[in-house]
Amino acid sequence: MISMVMIMLHSGDLIAVPKDLSLQSGFVSNDGPLEAILIFFSDQFFRDLAKQHSPVLRTTNGAERIPAHRSLTAFMENMVEIYETGPCR
């Protein structure tokens, strides 16, 4: 039996999903399509992140919701710019 946990995200939020955990999106919006970037980090990165930030939501399956932050927003905006205009194109 698969255990399901719902996490509500808001614009600019980050969800940290540990390895071996499945993610299924039930995205709903009145503002347009989902725009998301998946980035894979090491276990150590997540341990370090947890030490520095207390997540708003830690679920029973280990996923964490970290609220929007100006540094995170700047990082993601730069990632989008690299994707849209960088050497990948």
N, C-alpha and C. Protein backbone atom coordinates (compact mmCIF):
# COMPACT_ATOMS: atom_id res chain seq x y z
N MET A 1 0.83 -1.18 0.00
CA MET A 1 0.00 0.00 0.00
C MET A 1 0.87 1.24 0.00
N ILE A 2 0.56 2.19 -0.87
CA ILE A 2 1.33 3.42 -1.00
C ILE A 2 0.71 4.49 -0.12
N SER A 3 1.54 5.13 0.69
CA SER A 3 1.09 6.21 1.55
C SER A 3 1.18 7.53 0.78
N MET A 4 0.10 8.29 0.76
CA MET A 4 0.06 9.57 0.05
C MET A 4 0.05 10.72 1.06
N VAL A 5 0.85 11.74 0.80
CA VAL A 5 0.90 12.94 1.62
C VAL A 5 0.76 14.13 0.68
N MET A 6 -0.13 15.07 1.02
CA MET A 6 -0.31 16.24 0.18
C MET A 6 0.48 17.41 0.77
N ILE A 7 1.23 18.09 -0.10
CA ILE A 7 1.98 19.27 0.29
C ILE A 7 1.52 20.41 -0.61
N MET A 8 1.04 21.50 -0.02
CA MET A 8 0.60 22.67 -0.78
C MET A 8 1.78 23.62 -0.94
N LEU A 9 2.14 23.92 -2.18
CA LEU A 9 3.23 24.83 -2.46
C LEU A 9 2.68 26.16 -2.96
N HIS A 10 3.45 27.19 -2.71
CA HIS A 10 3.11 28.53 -3.20
C HIS A 10 4.24 29.01 -4.10
N SER A 11 3.99 30.01 -4.88
CA SER A 11 4.99 30.53 -5.80
C SER A 11 6.29 30.81 -5.07
N GLY A 12 7.37 30.28 -5.60
CA GLY A 12 8.69 30.50 -5.02
C GLY A 12 9.11 29.49 -3.98
N ASP A 13 8.20 28.62 -3.53
CA ASP A 13 8.54 27.62 -2.53
C ASP A 13 9.45 26.55 -3.14
N LEU A 14 10.12 25.86 -2.25
CA LEU A 14 10.97 24.73 -2.63
C LEU A 14 10.43 23.51 -1.91
N ILE A 15 10.39 22.40 -2.61
CA ILE A 15 10.06 21.14 -1.95
C ILE A 15 11.28 20.25 -2.06
N ALA A 16 11.74 19.78 -0.92
CA ALA A 16 12.88 18.86 -0.87
C ALA A 16 12.32 17.46 -0.71
N VAL A 17 12.56 16.63 -1.71
CA VAL A 17 12.04 15.27 -1.73
C VAL A 17 13.23 14.31 -1.65
N PRO A 18 13.32 13.53 -0.58
CA PRO A 18 14.46 12.60 -0.46
C PRO A 18 14.42 11.51 -1.52
N LYS A 19 15.60 10.95 -1.79
CA LYS A 19 15.66 9.88 -2.79
C LYS A 19 14.78 8.72 -2.37
N ASP A 20 14.35 7.96 -3.34
CA ASP A 20 13.48 6.80 -3.14
C ASP A 20 12.06 7.17 -2.72
N LEU A 21 11.70 8.43 -2.88
CA LEU A 21 10.34 8.87 -2.59
C LEU A 21 9.70 9.32 -3.90
N SER A 22 8.54 8.79 -4.21
CA SER A 22 7.86 9.15 -5.45
C SER A 22 7.13 10.47 -5.29
N LEU A 23 7.07 11.22 -6.37
CA LEU A 23 6.39 12.51 -6.39
C LEU A 23 5.35 12.49 -7.49
N GLN A 24 4.14 12.85 -7.15
CA GLN A 24 3.07 12.94 -8.14
C GLN A 24 2.44 14.31 -8.00
N SER A 25 2.30 15.03 -9.10
CA SER A 25 1.75 16.37 -9.06
C SER A 25 0.27 16.35 -9.42
N GLY A 26 -0.49 17.07 -8.63
CA GLY A 26 -1.89 17.32 -8.93
C GLY A 26 -2.06 18.82 -9.10
N PHE A 27 -1.16 19.43 -9.88
CA PHE A 27 -1.08 20.88 -10.03
C PHE A 27 -2.41 21.48 -10.46
N VAL A 28 -2.82 22.53 -9.75
CA VAL A 28 -4.03 23.28 -10.08
C VAL A 28 -3.70 24.76 -9.97
N SER A 29 -4.07 25.54 -11.00
CA SER A 29 -3.81 26.98 -10.96
C SER A 29 -4.77 27.71 -11.89
N ASN A 30 -5.08 28.92 -11.52
CA ASN A 30 -5.86 29.80 -12.39
C ASN A 30 -4.94 30.74 -13.15
N ASP A 31 -3.62 30.70 -12.85
CA ASP A 31 -2.67 31.64 -13.40
C ASP A 31 -1.89 31.11 -14.60
N GLY A 32 -2.11 29.88 -14.99
CA GLY A 32 -1.37 29.33 -16.12
C GLY A 32 -0.73 28.00 -15.78
N PRO A 33 0.12 27.51 -16.68
CA PRO A 33 0.72 26.18 -16.50
C PRO A 33 1.78 26.17 -15.39
N LEU A 34 2.05 24.99 -14.91
CA LEU A 34 3.09 24.80 -13.91
C LEU A 34 4.46 25.07 -14.53
N GLU A 35 5.26 25.84 -13.84
CA GLU A 35 6.65 26.05 -14.24
C GLU A 35 7.50 25.59 -13.08
N ALA A 36 8.24 24.51 -13.28
CA ALA A 36 9.03 23.94 -12.21
C ALA A 36 10.36 23.46 -12.76
N ILE A 37 11.36 23.45 -11.91
CA ILE A 37 12.67 22.93 -12.26
C ILE A 37 13.02 21.87 -11.24
N LEU A 38 13.45 20.71 -11.72
CA LEU A 38 13.90 19.64 -10.85
C LEU A 38 15.42 19.67 -10.78
N ILE A 39 15.94 19.69 -9.57
CA ILE A 39 17.38 19.67 -9.36
C ILE A 39 17.67 18.55 -8.37
N PHE A 40 18.65 17.73 -8.65
CA PHE A 40 18.99 16.61 -7.79
C PHE A 40 20.24 16.94 -6.99
N PHE A 41 20.13 16.81 -5.67
CA PHE A 41 21.23 17.11 -4.76
C PHE A 41 21.59 15.87 -3.95
N SER A 42 22.77 15.91 -3.36
CA SER A 42 23.23 14.80 -2.53
C SER A 42 22.51 14.79 -1.19
N ASP A 43 22.58 13.66 -0.50
CA ASP A 43 22.03 13.56 0.84
C ASP A 43 22.67 14.59 1.77
N GLN A 44 23.97 14.82 1.62
CA GLN A 44 24.68 15.78 2.48
C GLN A 44 24.13 17.18 2.28
N PHE A 45 23.80 17.54 1.06
CA PHE A 45 23.23 18.86 0.80
C PHE A 45 21.94 19.05 1.61
N PHE A 46 21.08 18.03 1.61
CA PHE A 46 19.82 18.13 2.33
C PHE A 46 20.04 18.17 3.85
N ARG A 47 21.03 17.44 4.33
CA ARG A 47 21.34 17.51 5.77
C ARG A 47 21.81 18.91 6.14
N ASP A 48 22.66 19.50 5.30
CA ASP A 48 23.14 20.86 5.56
C ASP A 48 22.01 21.87 5.47
N LEU A 49 21.13 21.69 4.51
CA LEU A 49 19.99 22.58 4.35
C LEU A 49 19.07 22.52 5.58
N ALA A 50 18.84 21.33 6.09
CA ALA A 50 17.98 21.16 7.25
C ALA A 50 18.57 21.82 8.49
N LYS A 51 19.90 21.85 8.59
CA LYS A 51 20.55 22.51 9.73
C LYS A 51 20.35 24.02 9.69
N GLN A 52 20.32 24.58 8.49
CA GLN A 52 20.26 26.04 8.33
C GLN A 52 18.83 26.59 8.33
N HIS A 53 17.88 25.80 7.91
CA HIS A 53 16.50 26.27 7.76
C HIS A 53 15.56 25.27 8.40
N SER A 54 14.66 25.78 9.20
CA SER A 54 13.63 24.86 9.72
C SER A 54 12.45 24.92 8.76
N PRO A 55 12.11 23.81 8.14
CA PRO A 55 11.04 23.81 7.15
C PRO A 55 9.68 24.09 7.78
N VAL A 56 8.82 24.70 7.00
CA VAL A 56 7.46 24.97 7.45
C VAL A 56 6.72 23.66 7.63
N LEU A 57 6.98 22.71 6.76
CA LEU A 57 6.26 21.44 6.80
C LEU A 57 7.23 20.29 6.61
N ARG A 58 7.30 19.42 7.56
CA ARG A 58 8.06 18.18 7.39
C ARG A 58 7.03 17.06 7.46
N THR A 59 6.92 16.30 6.41
CA THR A 59 5.90 15.26 6.35
C THR A 59 6.42 13.96 6.95
N THR A 60 5.52 13.05 7.16
CA THR A 60 5.89 11.76 7.72
C THR A 60 6.76 10.95 6.76
N ASN A 61 6.72 11.27 5.46
CA ASN A 61 7.53 10.51 4.51
C ASN A 61 8.88 11.18 4.24
N GLY A 62 9.17 12.30 4.90
CA GLY A 62 10.49 12.92 4.78
C GLY A 62 10.58 14.10 3.84
N ALA A 63 9.56 14.38 3.05
CA ALA A 63 9.58 15.55 2.19
C ALA A 63 9.44 16.80 3.05
N GLU A 64 10.04 17.90 2.57
CA GLU A 64 9.99 19.15 3.31
C GLU A 64 9.60 20.29 2.40
N ARG A 65 8.78 21.20 2.90
CA ARG A 65 8.44 22.43 2.18
C ARG A 65 9.23 23.56 2.82
N ILE A 66 10.00 24.26 2.00
CA ILE A 66 10.77 25.40 2.47
C ILE A 66 10.19 26.63 1.78
N PRO A 67 9.75 27.63 2.56
CA PRO A 67 9.08 28.78 1.97
C PRO A 67 10.01 29.61 1.08
N ALA A 68 9.40 30.38 0.20
CA ALA A 68 10.14 31.25 -0.71
C ALA A 68 11.08 32.16 0.09
N HIS A 69 12.23 32.41 -0.48
CA HIS A 69 13.24 33.28 0.14
C HIS A 69 13.92 34.03 -1.00
N ARG A 70 14.33 35.26 -0.76
CA ARG A 70 14.90 36.07 -1.85
C ARG A 70 16.12 35.41 -2.50
N SER A 71 16.95 34.75 -1.72
CA SER A 71 18.13 34.08 -2.29
C SER A 71 17.73 32.90 -3.15
N LEU A 72 16.75 32.13 -2.69
CA LEU A 72 16.25 31.00 -3.46
C LEU A 72 15.60 31.50 -4.75
N THR A 73 14.82 32.56 -4.65
CA THR A 73 14.18 33.14 -5.83
C THR A 73 15.22 33.60 -6.84
N ALA A 74 16.26 34.29 -6.38
CA ALA A 74 17.33 34.76 -7.28
C ALA A 74 18.03 33.58 -7.95
N PHE A 75 18.30 32.52 -7.17
CA PHE A 75 18.94 31.32 -7.74
C PHE A 75 18.07 30.72 -8.84
N MET A 76 16.79 30.56 -8.56
CA MET A 76 15.90 29.94 -9.54
C MET A 76 15.72 30.82 -10.77
N GLU A 77 15.65 32.14 -10.59
CA GLU A 77 15.55 33.04 -11.75
C GLU A 77 16.78 32.91 -12.64
N ASN A 78 17.95 32.77 -12.02
CA ASN A 78 19.17 32.57 -12.80
C ASN A 78 19.16 31.23 -13.52
N MET A 79 18.63 30.19 -12.87
CA MET A 79 18.53 28.89 -13.52
C MET A 79 17.63 28.97 -14.74
N VAL A 80 16.52 29.67 -14.63
CA VAL A 80 15.60 29.83 -15.76
C VAL A 80 16.29 30.57 -16.89
N GLU A 81 17.01 31.64 -16.55
CA GLU A 81 17.71 32.41 -17.59
C GLU A 81 18.75 31.54 -18.30
N ILE A 82 19.49 30.73 -17.56
CA ILE A 82 20.46 29.83 -18.17
C ILE A 82 19.75 28.84 -19.10
N TYR A 83 18.63 28.30 -18.65
CA TYR A 83 17.87 27.33 -19.45
C TYR A 83 17.35 27.98 -20.73
N GLU A 84 16.82 29.19 -20.61
CA GLU A 84 16.18 29.85 -21.77
C GLU A 84 17.17 30.46 -22.75
N THR A 85 18.32 30.90 -22.27
CA THR A 85 19.23 31.63 -23.15
C THR A 85 20.65 31.08 -23.19
N GLY A 86 20.96 30.14 -22.31
CA GLY A 86 22.33 29.67 -22.17
C GLY A 86 22.75 28.66 -23.21
N PRO A 87 23.86 27.99 -22.93
CA PRO A 87 24.45 27.06 -23.89
C PRO A 87 23.58 25.84 -24.19
N CYS A 88 22.52 25.65 -23.39
CA CYS A 88 21.62 24.52 -23.65
C CYS A 88 20.78 24.74 -24.90
N ARG A 89 20.67 25.97 -25.33
CA ARG A 89 19.82 26.31 -26.49
C ARG A 89 20.60 26.32 -27.76
